[in-house]
Amino acid sequence: DVQFELLEKETAPYGKDFEIILKISNNSKEIRTLSGSICTSSMYYTGVPAKRVKSLAIDNEKIAANKSKELSLKVTFDEYYSKLVDQCHMKMSCMCTILETKHTYVDQDTFRLIKPELKIKAPAAGKVGEKIKAEVSFTNPLPCALTSSELTVEGTGLTKNQVIPQTIVPSNQTFMTTVEILPTKAGLRELIVSFNSKELEMVDGSCEIKISE
């Protein structure tokens, strides 16, 4: 006589706060009392839990007859930032017992925090031995500056691997720079660029360039 729904979340933006919501509907004609918890933890891409991030205790929560309510676990960037692993996968779970009926609800789901995409603006075509300039950019989503930054540029037949130090990127500001490549082989080639810093890693982007002799 009590329905639960842990609202699905496929993704959330990395660097922003997020919220986990449990929707509860009491369809009975009597008050129901709930106890349990909502929690979230970081998770390896294999599905193995990593570190507990935050939990919300549900302690004798009362819901009136034929009423609904939502319980929310709000998680800030500062609370999850240092506990992320691998590809920023997260798990959310809930266990809730109805004290009057002793029925227990258990559910869990996974989602991922999505980092910004590195945009690459480059010519669609070029020639062997002629320099090509590519403009790369992204917006820092974090509430802090990015320090100790570097840009890695690679692409078989397009360039030797380059590691280029970068300046500090302020919070919520757009990073933009231009890189040069010198193609050595003809064909359809892929340019791969990755931005890494102390605070934010693996902001990646790629594009294809058709190289002729």
N, C-alpha and C. Protein backbone atom coordinates (compact mmCIF):
# COMPACT_ATOMS: atom_id res chain seq x y z
N ASP A 1 0.81 -1.22 0.00
CA ASP A 1 0.00 0.00 0.00
C ASP A 1 0.85 1.27 0.00
N VAL A 2 2.16 1.12 0.01
CA VAL A 2 3.07 2.26 -0.14
C VAL A 2 3.96 1.99 -1.35
N GLN A 3 4.01 2.95 -2.26
CA GLN A 3 4.83 2.80 -3.46
C GLN A 3 6.07 3.69 -3.37
N PHE A 4 7.19 3.14 -3.83
CA PHE A 4 8.46 3.87 -3.82
C PHE A 4 8.98 3.97 -5.24
N GLU A 5 9.66 5.07 -5.53
CA GLU A 5 10.32 5.23 -6.82
C GLU A 5 11.60 6.03 -6.64
N LEU A 6 12.72 5.37 -6.89
CA LEU A 6 14.01 6.05 -6.89
C LEU A 6 14.19 6.63 -8.29
N LEU A 7 14.06 7.94 -8.41
CA LEU A 7 14.01 8.56 -9.73
C LEU A 7 15.30 8.32 -10.50
N GLU A 8 15.15 7.85 -11.74
CA GLU A 8 16.31 7.49 -12.56
C GLU A 8 17.13 8.72 -12.93
N LYS A 9 18.42 8.49 -13.03
CA LYS A 9 19.35 9.55 -13.42
C LYS A 9 20.42 8.89 -14.28
N GLU A 10 20.46 9.23 -15.57
CA GLU A 10 21.45 8.62 -16.46
C GLU A 10 22.81 9.30 -16.31
N THR A 11 22.79 10.63 -16.29
CA THR A 11 24.03 11.39 -16.19
C THR A 11 23.79 12.65 -15.36
N ALA A 12 24.89 13.27 -14.95
CA ALA A 12 24.86 14.57 -14.29
C ALA A 12 26.14 15.29 -14.69
N PRO A 13 26.12 16.61 -14.80
CA PRO A 13 27.33 17.33 -15.22
C PRO A 13 28.41 17.34 -14.14
N TYR A 14 29.60 16.95 -14.52
CA TYR A 14 30.74 16.97 -13.60
C TYR A 14 31.04 18.42 -13.20
N GLY A 15 31.26 18.63 -11.92
CA GLY A 15 31.55 19.97 -11.42
C GLY A 15 30.35 20.66 -10.79
N LYS A 16 29.15 20.11 -11.03
CA LYS A 16 27.94 20.69 -10.47
C LYS A 16 27.41 19.81 -9.33
N ASP A 17 26.56 20.38 -8.50
CA ASP A 17 25.88 19.61 -7.46
C ASP A 17 24.84 18.71 -8.13
N PHE A 18 24.48 17.62 -7.47
CA PHE A 18 23.39 16.80 -7.99
C PHE A 18 22.48 16.36 -6.84
N GLU A 19 21.34 15.79 -7.20
CA GLU A 19 20.32 15.45 -6.21
C GLU A 19 19.77 14.06 -6.51
N ILE A 20 19.59 13.26 -5.47
CA ILE A 20 18.96 11.95 -5.59
C ILE A 20 17.60 12.03 -4.91
N ILE A 21 16.56 11.64 -5.63
CA ILE A 21 15.20 11.82 -5.13
C ILE A 21 14.48 10.48 -5.01
N LEU A 22 13.89 10.26 -3.86
CA LEU A 22 13.04 9.09 -3.61
C LEU A 22 11.60 9.58 -3.48
N LYS A 23 10.75 9.11 -4.39
CA LYS A 23 9.34 9.49 -4.37
C LYS A 23 8.54 8.40 -3.65
N ILE A 24 7.73 8.81 -2.68
CA ILE A 24 6.97 7.86 -1.86
C ILE A 24 5.49 8.23 -1.91
N SER A 25 4.65 7.23 -2.18
CA SER A 25 3.20 7.44 -2.23
C SER A 25 2.51 6.48 -1.26
N ASN A 26 1.79 7.03 -0.31
CA ASN A 26 1.03 6.21 0.64
C ASN A 26 -0.40 6.07 0.13
N ASN A 27 -0.72 4.90 -0.40
CA ASN A 27 -2.04 4.67 -0.98
C ASN A 27 -3.03 4.07 0.01
N SER A 28 -2.61 3.92 1.25
CA SER A 28 -3.49 3.33 2.26
C SER A 28 -4.33 4.42 2.93
N LYS A 29 -5.22 3.99 3.81
CA LYS A 29 -6.08 4.91 4.52
C LYS A 29 -5.54 5.23 5.91
N GLU A 30 -4.28 4.83 6.14
CA GLU A 30 -3.67 5.06 7.44
C GLU A 30 -2.29 5.70 7.28
N ILE A 31 -1.85 6.36 8.34
CA ILE A 31 -0.50 6.92 8.35
C ILE A 31 0.52 5.79 8.27
N ARG A 32 1.58 6.01 7.52
CA ARG A 32 2.67 5.04 7.46
C ARG A 32 3.96 5.70 7.94
N THR A 33 4.78 4.91 8.64
CA THR A 33 6.04 5.40 9.20
C THR A 33 7.19 4.65 8.55
N LEU A 34 8.18 5.40 8.08
CA LEU A 34 9.28 4.81 7.33
C LEU A 34 10.61 5.02 8.03
N SER A 35 11.47 4.02 7.91
CA SER A 35 12.85 4.14 8.38
C SER A 35 13.76 3.50 7.34
N GLY A 36 14.94 4.07 7.19
CA GLY A 36 15.88 3.53 6.21
C GLY A 36 16.93 4.56 5.84
N SER A 37 17.39 4.52 4.60
CA SER A 37 18.42 5.47 4.17
C SER A 37 18.47 5.56 2.65
N ILE A 38 18.98 6.70 2.19
CA ILE A 38 19.34 6.91 0.78
C ILE A 38 20.83 7.20 0.78
N CYS A 39 21.57 6.58 -0.11
CA CYS A 39 23.01 6.85 -0.12
C CYS A 39 23.56 6.83 -1.54
N THR A 40 24.73 7.42 -1.68
CA THR A 40 25.42 7.40 -2.97
C THR A 40 26.91 7.17 -2.74
N SER A 41 27.52 6.49 -3.68
CA SER A 41 28.95 6.20 -3.59
C SER A 41 29.56 6.23 -4.98
N SER A 42 30.86 6.43 -5.03
CA SER A 42 31.56 6.33 -6.31
C SER A 42 31.72 4.86 -6.65
N MET A 43 31.98 4.59 -7.93
CA MET A 43 31.98 3.21 -8.39
C MET A 43 32.97 3.04 -9.53
N TYR A 44 33.68 1.91 -9.54
CA TYR A 44 34.54 1.59 -10.67
C TYR A 44 33.67 1.20 -11.87
N TYR A 45 34.22 1.33 -13.07
CA TYR A 45 33.43 1.04 -14.27
C TYR A 45 32.99 -0.42 -14.32
N THR A 46 33.65 -1.27 -13.54
CA THR A 46 33.28 -2.69 -13.48
C THR A 46 32.04 -2.92 -12.62
N GLY A 47 31.61 -1.88 -11.90
CA GLY A 47 30.45 -2.01 -11.03
C GLY A 47 30.80 -2.19 -9.56
N VAL A 48 32.09 -2.32 -9.27
CA VAL A 48 32.53 -2.50 -7.89
C VAL A 48 32.48 -1.16 -7.16
N PRO A 49 31.82 -1.08 -6.00
CA PRO A 49 31.76 0.18 -5.24
C PRO A 49 33.16 0.64 -4.83
N ALA A 50 33.36 1.95 -4.79
CA ALA A 50 34.66 2.50 -4.40
C ALA A 50 34.57 3.19 -3.04
N LYS A 51 34.05 4.42 -3.00
CA LYS A 51 34.01 5.17 -1.74
C LYS A 51 32.61 5.72 -1.48
N ARG A 52 32.18 5.63 -0.23
CA ARG A 52 30.91 6.22 0.16
C ARG A 52 31.03 7.74 0.09
N VAL A 53 30.06 8.37 -0.55
CA VAL A 53 30.09 9.83 -0.70
C VAL A 53 29.20 10.51 0.34
N LYS A 54 27.94 10.09 0.40
CA LYS A 54 27.02 10.74 1.34
C LYS A 54 25.78 9.87 1.52
N SER A 55 25.14 10.00 2.68
CA SER A 55 23.91 9.27 2.92
C SER A 55 22.92 10.14 3.69
N LEU A 56 21.66 9.79 3.56
CA LEU A 56 20.57 10.48 4.25
C LEU A 56 19.79 9.45 5.06
N ALA A 57 19.74 9.64 6.37
CA ALA A 57 18.99 8.72 7.22
C ALA A 57 17.50 9.07 7.18
N ILE A 58 16.68 8.04 7.00
CA ILE A 58 15.22 8.21 7.06
C ILE A 58 14.79 7.64 8.41
N ASP A 59 14.43 8.51 9.32
CA ASP A 59 14.18 8.10 10.70
C ASP A 59 12.75 8.43 11.12
N ASN A 60 11.91 7.40 11.14
CA ASN A 60 10.51 7.57 11.55
C ASN A 60 9.81 8.68 10.75
N GLU A 61 10.00 8.63 9.45
CA GLU A 61 9.37 9.59 8.54
C GLU A 61 7.91 9.20 8.35
N LYS A 62 7.01 10.10 8.67
CA LYS A 62 5.58 9.80 8.60
C LYS A 62 4.96 10.37 7.32
N ILE A 63 4.10 9.55 6.71
CA ILE A 63 3.38 9.98 5.50
C ILE A 63 1.89 9.77 5.75
N ALA A 64 1.14 10.83 5.58
CA ALA A 64 -0.30 10.77 5.83
C ALA A 64 -1.00 9.87 4.82
N ALA A 65 -2.18 9.42 5.17
CA ALA A 65 -2.97 8.56 4.29
C ALA A 65 -3.24 9.25 2.96
N ASN A 66 -3.09 8.48 1.87
CA ASN A 66 -3.35 8.97 0.52
C ASN A 66 -2.56 10.24 0.16
N LYS A 67 -1.35 10.30 0.67
CA LYS A 67 -0.47 11.43 0.38
C LYS A 67 0.85 10.93 -0.20
N SER A 68 1.54 11.85 -0.85
CA SER A 68 2.86 11.54 -1.41
C SER A 68 3.87 12.57 -0.93
N LYS A 69 5.13 12.17 -0.95
CA LYS A 69 6.20 13.13 -0.64
C LYS A 69 7.48 12.67 -1.30
N GLU A 70 8.42 13.60 -1.41
CA GLU A 70 9.72 13.28 -1.97
C GLU A 70 10.80 13.54 -0.92
N LEU A 71 11.71 12.59 -0.80
CA LEU A 71 12.88 12.76 0.06
C LEU A 71 14.09 12.96 -0.84
N SER A 72 14.92 13.92 -0.50
CA SER A 72 16.01 14.31 -1.38
C SER A 72 17.36 14.25 -0.67
N LEU A 73 18.33 13.66 -1.36
CA LEU A 73 19.72 13.67 -0.90
C LEU A 73 20.49 14.59 -1.84
N LYS A 74 20.91 15.73 -1.34
CA LYS A 74 21.65 16.70 -2.15
C LYS A 74 23.14 16.53 -1.92
N VAL A 75 23.89 16.44 -3.02
CA VAL A 75 25.33 16.21 -2.95
C VAL A 75 26.05 17.33 -3.67
N THR A 76 26.98 17.98 -2.99
CA THR A 76 27.72 19.09 -3.59
C THR A 76 29.00 18.59 -4.24
N PHE A 77 29.56 19.44 -5.10
CA PHE A 77 30.82 19.11 -5.76
C PHE A 77 31.91 18.81 -4.74
N ASP A 78 32.01 19.62 -3.70
CA ASP A 78 33.05 19.42 -2.69
C ASP A 78 32.91 18.08 -1.98
N GLU A 79 31.68 17.58 -1.90
CA GLU A 79 31.45 16.31 -1.20
C GLU A 79 31.85 15.10 -2.04
N TYR A 80 31.74 15.19 -3.36
CA TYR A 80 32.06 14.01 -4.18
C TYR A 80 33.41 14.10 -4.90
N TYR A 81 33.95 15.30 -5.04
CA TYR A 81 35.12 15.52 -5.89
C TYR A 81 36.30 14.60 -5.56
N SER A 82 36.67 14.50 -4.29
CA SER A 82 37.86 13.74 -3.91
C SER A 82 37.62 12.23 -3.85
N LYS A 83 36.38 11.80 -4.08
CA LYS A 83 36.05 10.38 -3.93
C LYS A 83 35.76 9.69 -5.25
N LEU A 84 35.91 10.41 -6.35
CA LEU A 84 35.65 9.82 -7.66
C LEU A 84 36.79 8.90 -8.09
N VAL A 85 36.45 7.91 -8.91
CA VAL A 85 37.46 7.00 -9.47
C VAL A 85 37.16 6.79 -10.95
N ASP A 86 38.17 6.30 -11.66
CA ASP A 86 38.02 5.91 -13.07
C ASP A 86 37.24 6.92 -13.90
N GLN A 87 36.11 6.49 -14.42
CA GLN A 87 35.34 7.28 -15.38
C GLN A 87 34.15 7.99 -14.75
N CYS A 88 34.27 8.30 -13.46
CA CYS A 88 33.26 9.10 -12.74
C CYS A 88 31.90 8.42 -12.68
N HIS A 89 31.89 7.10 -12.51
CA HIS A 89 30.64 6.38 -12.33
C HIS A 89 30.18 6.51 -10.88
N MET A 90 28.86 6.59 -10.69
CA MET A 90 28.28 6.72 -9.36
C MET A 90 27.17 5.69 -9.18
N LYS A 91 26.96 5.30 -7.93
CA LYS A 91 25.84 4.42 -7.60
C LYS A 91 24.96 5.11 -6.57
N MET A 92 23.65 5.01 -6.76
CA MET A 92 22.71 5.51 -5.75
C MET A 92 21.84 4.34 -5.31
N SER A 93 21.53 4.30 -4.03
CA SER A 93 20.76 3.17 -3.51
C SER A 93 19.85 3.63 -2.38
N CYS A 94 18.84 2.81 -2.13
CA CYS A 94 17.87 3.13 -1.09
C CYS A 94 17.37 1.85 -0.44
N MET A 95 17.22 1.89 0.87
CA MET A 95 16.55 0.82 1.60
C MET A 95 15.59 1.48 2.58
N CYS A 96 14.34 1.05 2.53
CA CYS A 96 13.32 1.70 3.35
C CYS A 96 12.33 0.66 3.87
N THR A 97 12.06 0.69 5.17
CA THR A 97 11.12 -0.25 5.80
C THR A 97 9.89 0.49 6.30
N ILE A 98 8.71 -0.08 6.01
CA ILE A 98 7.45 0.46 6.53
C ILE A 98 7.23 -0.18 7.90
N LEU A 99 7.30 0.60 8.93
CA LEU A 99 7.28 0.05 10.28
C LEU A 99 5.97 -0.67 10.61
N GLU A 100 4.85 -0.17 10.09
CA GLU A 100 3.55 -0.78 10.41
C GLU A 100 3.36 -2.15 9.76
N THR A 101 3.91 -2.34 8.57
CA THR A 101 3.69 -3.60 7.84
C THR A 101 4.94 -4.46 7.76
N LYS A 102 6.09 -3.89 8.13
CA LYS A 102 7.39 -4.58 8.08
C LYS A 102 7.86 -4.86 6.65
N HIS A 103 7.19 -4.31 5.67
CA HIS A 103 7.64 -4.48 4.29
C HIS A 103 8.87 -3.59 4.04
N THR A 104 9.81 -4.12 3.26
CA THR A 104 11.04 -3.38 2.98
C THR A 104 11.21 -3.17 1.48
N TYR A 105 11.58 -1.95 1.14
CA TYR A 105 11.85 -1.59 -0.26
C TYR A 105 13.35 -1.39 -0.43
N VAL A 106 13.91 -2.03 -1.47
CA VAL A 106 15.34 -1.88 -1.77
C VAL A 106 15.49 -1.61 -3.26
N ASP A 107 16.29 -0.61 -3.60
CA ASP A 107 16.52 -0.32 -5.02
C ASP A 107 17.88 0.35 -5.17
N GLN A 108 18.45 0.24 -6.36
CA GLN A 108 19.70 0.92 -6.65
C GLN A 108 19.79 1.19 -8.15
N ASP A 109 20.61 2.15 -8.49
CA ASP A 109 20.80 2.51 -9.89
C ASP A 109 22.18 3.15 -10.02
N THR A 110 22.64 3.26 -11.25
CA THR A 110 23.94 3.88 -11.50
C THR A 110 23.79 5.04 -12.47
N PHE A 111 24.71 5.96 -12.39
CA PHE A 111 24.76 7.07 -13.33
C PHE A 111 26.20 7.54 -13.45
N ARG A 112 26.43 8.47 -14.33
CA ARG A 112 27.80 8.92 -14.58
C ARG A 112 27.87 10.44 -14.60
N LEU A 113 28.93 10.96 -14.03
CA LEU A 113 29.19 12.40 -14.08
C LEU A 113 29.96 12.69 -15.38
N ILE A 114 29.41 13.56 -16.19
CA ILE A 114 29.95 13.80 -17.53
C ILE A 114 30.85 15.03 -17.55
N LYS A 115 32.09 14.82 -17.98
CA LYS A 115 33.03 15.93 -18.12
C LYS A 115 32.77 16.67 -19.44
N PRO A 116 33.22 17.92 -19.53
CA PRO A 116 33.00 18.67 -20.77
C PRO A 116 33.77 18.05 -21.94
N GLU A 117 33.28 18.27 -23.13
CA GLU A 117 33.95 17.78 -24.33
C GLU A 117 34.93 18.84 -24.83
N LEU A 118 36.09 18.39 -25.24
CA LEU A 118 37.06 19.31 -25.84
C LEU A 118 36.69 19.49 -27.31
N LYS A 119 36.38 20.71 -27.69
CA LYS A 119 35.99 20.98 -29.08
C LYS A 119 37.22 21.29 -29.91
N ILE A 120 37.26 20.72 -31.10
CA ILE A 120 38.38 20.94 -32.02
C ILE A 120 37.85 21.52 -33.32
N LYS A 121 38.39 22.66 -33.69
CA LYS A 121 38.01 23.30 -34.95
C LYS A 121 39.23 23.26 -35.86
N ALA A 122 39.15 22.41 -36.89
CA ALA A 122 40.29 22.21 -37.78
C ALA A 122 39.79 22.06 -39.21
N PRO A 123 40.65 22.32 -40.20
CA PRO A 123 40.25 22.12 -41.60
C PRO A 123 39.89 20.66 -41.85
N ALA A 124 38.97 20.43 -42.77
CA ALA A 124 38.56 19.07 -43.09
C ALA A 124 39.61 18.35 -43.93
N ALA A 125 40.50 19.12 -44.55
CA ALA A 125 41.50 18.52 -45.43
C ALA A 125 42.82 19.26 -45.33
N GLY A 126 43.89 18.56 -45.71
CA GLY A 126 45.21 19.15 -45.70
C GLY A 126 46.14 18.36 -46.60
N LYS A 127 47.41 18.79 -46.67
CA LYS A 127 48.39 18.11 -47.52
C LYS A 127 49.61 17.71 -46.71
N VAL A 128 50.24 16.64 -47.16
CA VAL A 128 51.48 16.18 -46.52
C VAL A 128 52.53 17.29 -46.61
N GLY A 129 53.18 17.57 -45.48
CA GLY A 129 54.24 18.56 -45.45
C GLY A 129 53.78 20.00 -45.28
N GLU A 130 52.48 20.21 -45.20
CA GLU A 130 51.96 21.57 -45.00
C GLU A 130 51.32 21.67 -43.61
N LYS A 131 51.71 22.69 -42.85
CA LYS A 131 51.22 22.85 -41.49
C LYS A 131 49.71 23.10 -41.46
N ILE A 132 49.08 22.54 -40.44
CA ILE A 132 47.65 22.75 -40.20
C ILE A 132 47.48 23.30 -38.80
N LYS A 133 46.63 24.31 -38.67
CA LYS A 133 46.33 24.85 -37.35
C LYS A 133 44.95 24.38 -36.91
N ALA A 134 44.87 23.98 -35.64
CA ALA A 134 43.59 23.52 -35.07
C ALA A 134 43.33 24.30 -33.79
N GLU A 135 42.12 24.79 -33.66
CA GLU A 135 41.72 25.54 -32.46
C GLU A 135 40.98 24.59 -31.51
N VAL A 136 41.42 24.53 -30.27
CA VAL A 136 40.78 23.65 -29.29
C VAL A 136 40.22 24.50 -28.14
N SER A 137 39.08 24.06 -27.60
CA SER A 137 38.46 24.85 -26.52
C SER A 137 37.52 23.99 -25.69
N PHE A 138 37.28 24.42 -24.46
CA PHE A 138 36.25 23.86 -23.59
C PHE A 138 36.05 24.85 -22.45
N THR A 139 34.95 24.70 -21.73
CA THR A 139 34.67 25.57 -20.59
C THR A 139 34.91 24.82 -19.29
N ASN A 140 35.68 25.42 -18.40
CA ASN A 140 35.96 24.82 -17.10
C ASN A 140 34.68 24.78 -16.27
N PRO A 141 34.16 23.58 -15.94
CA PRO A 141 32.89 23.49 -15.22
C PRO A 141 33.04 23.54 -13.70
N LEU A 142 34.27 23.55 -13.22
CA LEU A 142 34.51 23.45 -11.78
C LEU A 142 34.40 24.80 -11.09
N PRO A 143 34.10 24.79 -9.79
CA PRO A 143 34.04 26.04 -9.02
C PRO A 143 35.43 26.49 -8.55
N CYS A 144 36.47 25.98 -9.20
CA CYS A 144 37.84 26.34 -8.87
C CYS A 144 38.66 26.43 -10.15
N ALA A 145 39.81 27.08 -10.07
CA ALA A 145 40.69 27.21 -11.23
C ALA A 145 41.41 25.90 -11.51
N LEU A 146 41.80 25.70 -12.78
CA LEU A 146 42.56 24.52 -13.18
C LEU A 146 44.04 24.90 -13.24
N THR A 147 44.87 24.18 -12.52
CA THR A 147 46.29 24.50 -12.44
C THR A 147 47.13 23.32 -12.92
N SER A 148 48.42 23.58 -13.13
CA SER A 148 49.36 22.56 -13.62
C SER A 148 48.78 21.87 -14.86
N SER A 149 48.31 22.68 -15.78
CA SER A 149 47.60 22.15 -16.95
C SER A 149 48.55 21.86 -18.11
N GLU A 150 48.16 20.88 -18.92
CA GLU A 150 48.90 20.58 -20.14
C GLU A 150 47.97 19.99 -21.18
N LEU A 151 48.36 20.16 -22.42
CA LEU A 151 47.59 19.67 -23.55
C LEU A 151 48.42 18.62 -24.28
N THR A 152 47.82 17.46 -24.50
CA THR A 152 48.49 16.39 -25.24
C THR A 152 47.88 16.30 -26.63
N VAL A 153 48.73 16.35 -27.65
CA VAL A 153 48.27 16.32 -29.04
C VAL A 153 48.93 15.12 -29.73
N GLU A 154 48.11 14.28 -30.37
CA GLU A 154 48.66 13.12 -31.06
C GLU A 154 47.79 12.75 -32.25
N GLY A 155 48.35 11.99 -33.15
CA GLY A 155 47.62 11.56 -34.34
C GLY A 155 48.58 10.92 -35.32
N THR A 156 48.42 9.63 -35.55
CA THR A 156 49.31 8.90 -36.45
C THR A 156 49.26 9.50 -37.85
N GLY A 157 50.43 9.86 -38.36
CA GLY A 157 50.51 10.45 -39.69
C GLY A 157 50.21 11.93 -39.72
N LEU A 158 49.83 12.50 -38.57
CA LEU A 158 49.52 13.92 -38.50
C LEU A 158 50.57 14.72 -37.74
N THR A 159 51.07 14.13 -36.65
CA THR A 159 51.98 14.88 -35.79
C THR A 159 52.74 13.94 -34.88
N LYS A 160 53.91 14.37 -34.46
CA LYS A 160 54.58 13.68 -33.37
C LYS A 160 53.81 14.02 -32.09
N ASN A 161 53.86 13.14 -31.11
CA ASN A 161 53.17 13.42 -29.86
C ASN A 161 53.71 14.70 -29.23
N GLN A 162 52.79 15.59 -28.88
CA GLN A 162 53.15 16.86 -28.26
C GLN A 162 52.53 16.96 -26.87
N VAL A 163 53.30 17.46 -25.91
CA VAL A 163 52.78 17.78 -24.59
C VAL A 163 53.09 19.26 -24.35
N ILE A 164 52.03 20.08 -24.30
CA ILE A 164 52.20 21.53 -24.28
C ILE A 164 51.67 22.10 -22.96
N PRO A 165 52.54 22.68 -22.12
CA PRO A 165 52.07 23.30 -20.87
C PRO A 165 51.09 24.43 -21.15
N GLN A 166 50.10 24.59 -20.26
CA GLN A 166 49.08 25.62 -20.43
C GLN A 166 48.99 26.50 -19.18
N THR A 167 48.36 27.64 -19.35
CA THR A 167 48.19 28.57 -18.23
C THR A 167 47.00 28.15 -17.36
N ILE A 168 46.84 28.82 -16.23
CA ILE A 168 45.72 28.56 -15.33
C ILE A 168 44.40 28.89 -16.04
N VAL A 169 43.40 28.03 -15.85
CA VAL A 169 42.07 28.26 -16.42
C VAL A 169 41.11 28.59 -15.27
N PRO A 170 40.62 29.82 -15.17
CA PRO A 170 39.73 30.21 -14.07
C PRO A 170 38.41 29.44 -14.09
N SER A 171 37.75 29.42 -12.96
CA SER A 171 36.45 28.75 -12.82
C SER A 171 35.43 29.31 -13.81
N ASN A 172 34.71 28.39 -14.47
CA ASN A 172 33.63 28.74 -15.40
C ASN A 172 34.08 29.59 -16.59
N GLN A 173 35.38 29.59 -16.87
CA GLN A 173 35.90 30.33 -18.01
C GLN A 173 36.23 29.38 -19.16
N THR A 174 36.25 29.91 -20.37
CA THR A 174 36.53 29.09 -21.54
C THR A 174 38.03 29.07 -21.84
N PHE A 175 38.56 27.87 -21.94
CA PHE A 175 39.95 27.67 -22.34
C PHE A 175 39.99 27.57 -23.87
N MET A 176 40.93 28.28 -24.48
CA MET A 176 41.05 28.23 -25.94
C MET A 176 42.51 28.41 -26.33
N THR A 177 42.98 27.57 -27.23
CA THR A 177 44.34 27.70 -27.73
C THR A 177 44.40 27.12 -29.13
N THR A 178 45.52 27.36 -29.81
CA THR A 178 45.72 26.84 -31.16
C THR A 178 46.94 25.93 -31.18
N VAL A 179 46.80 24.78 -31.81
CA VAL A 179 47.93 23.85 -31.94
C VAL A 179 48.26 23.69 -33.42
N GLU A 180 49.52 23.38 -33.69
CA GLU A 180 49.97 23.18 -35.06
C GLU A 180 50.38 21.73 -35.26
N ILE A 181 50.01 21.18 -36.41
CA ILE A 181 50.42 19.82 -36.75
C ILE A 181 51.01 19.83 -38.16
N LEU A 182 51.86 18.84 -38.43
CA LEU A 182 52.53 18.75 -39.74
C LEU A 182 52.34 17.32 -40.27
N PRO A 183 51.35 17.11 -41.12
CA PRO A 183 51.06 15.76 -41.63
C PRO A 183 52.25 15.15 -42.37
N THR A 184 52.43 13.85 -42.16
CA THR A 184 53.52 13.13 -42.83
C THR A 184 53.02 11.99 -43.70
N LYS A 185 51.73 11.65 -43.57
CA LYS A 185 51.18 10.54 -44.35
C LYS A 185 49.80 10.92 -44.89
N ALA A 186 49.52 10.45 -46.11
CA ALA A 186 48.23 10.71 -46.72
C ALA A 186 47.17 9.75 -46.16
N GLY A 187 45.90 10.12 -46.36
CA GLY A 187 44.80 9.28 -45.91
C GLY A 187 43.91 10.01 -44.93
N LEU A 188 42.87 9.32 -44.47
CA LEU A 188 41.97 9.89 -43.48
C LEU A 188 42.60 9.69 -42.10
N ARG A 189 42.97 10.79 -41.45
CA ARG A 189 43.71 10.73 -40.19
C ARG A 189 42.89 11.31 -39.04
N GLU A 190 43.15 10.79 -37.84
CA GLU A 190 42.42 11.26 -36.66
C GLU A 190 43.35 12.07 -35.75
N LEU A 191 42.93 13.28 -35.46
CA LEU A 191 43.65 14.14 -34.51
C LEU A 191 43.00 13.98 -33.14
N ILE A 192 43.81 13.66 -32.13
CA ILE A 192 43.31 13.43 -30.77
C ILE A 192 43.99 14.42 -29.83
N VAL A 193 43.19 15.16 -29.08
CA VAL A 193 43.71 16.16 -28.15
C VAL A 193 43.11 15.91 -26.77
N SER A 194 43.95 16.00 -25.75
CA SER A 194 43.49 15.77 -24.37
C SER A 194 44.03 16.85 -23.45
N PHE A 195 43.15 17.41 -22.63
CA PHE A 195 43.54 18.41 -21.63
C PHE A 195 43.56 17.74 -20.26
N ASN A 196 44.65 17.96 -19.53
CA ASN A 196 44.77 17.42 -18.17
C ASN A 196 45.30 18.49 -17.23
N SER A 197 44.78 18.50 -16.02
CA SER A 197 45.25 19.43 -15.00
C SER A 197 45.21 18.72 -13.65
N LYS A 198 45.67 19.40 -12.63
CA LYS A 198 45.65 18.83 -11.27
C LYS A 198 44.22 18.57 -10.82
N GLU A 199 43.30 19.47 -11.20
CA GLU A 199 41.92 19.39 -10.71
C GLU A 199 40.97 18.66 -11.66
N LEU A 200 41.32 18.59 -12.94
CA LEU A 200 40.42 18.01 -13.94
C LEU A 200 41.24 17.28 -14.99
N GLU A 201 40.96 15.98 -15.16
CA GLU A 201 41.73 15.17 -16.10
C GLU A 201 40.84 14.65 -17.22
N MET A 202 41.50 14.26 -18.30
CA MET A 202 40.86 13.55 -19.41
C MET A 202 39.67 14.30 -20.01
N VAL A 203 39.91 15.57 -20.34
CA VAL A 203 38.94 16.31 -21.16
C VAL A 203 39.42 16.11 -22.59
N ASP A 204 38.72 15.25 -23.32
CA ASP A 204 39.22 14.77 -24.60
C ASP A 204 38.36 15.22 -25.78
N GLY A 205 39.00 15.25 -26.94
CA GLY A 205 38.29 15.53 -28.18
C GLY A 205 39.06 14.97 -29.36
N SER A 206 38.38 14.76 -30.47
CA SER A 206 39.05 14.25 -31.66
C SER A 206 38.31 14.72 -32.91
N CYS A 207 39.02 14.69 -34.03
CA CYS A 207 38.39 15.01 -35.31
C CYS A 207 39.19 14.32 -36.42
N GLU A 208 38.55 14.13 -37.56
CA GLU A 208 39.21 13.51 -38.70
C GLU A 208 39.61 14.57 -39.73
N ILE A 209 40.79 14.37 -40.32
CA ILE A 209 41.28 15.27 -41.35
C ILE A 209 41.76 14.43 -42.54
N LYS A 210 41.28 14.76 -43.71
CA LYS A 210 41.68 14.04 -44.93
C LYS A 210 42.97 14.65 -45.47
N ILE A 211 44.02 13.85 -45.50
CA ILE A 211 45.33 14.33 -45.94
C ILE A 211 45.65 13.75 -47.32
N SER A 212 46.05 14.64 -48.22
CA SER A 212 46.43 14.20 -49.57
C SER A 212 47.92 14.45 -49.79
N GLU A 213 48.47 13.80 -50.81
CA GLU A 213 49.90 13.95 -51.13
C GLU A 213 50.20 15.36 -51.64
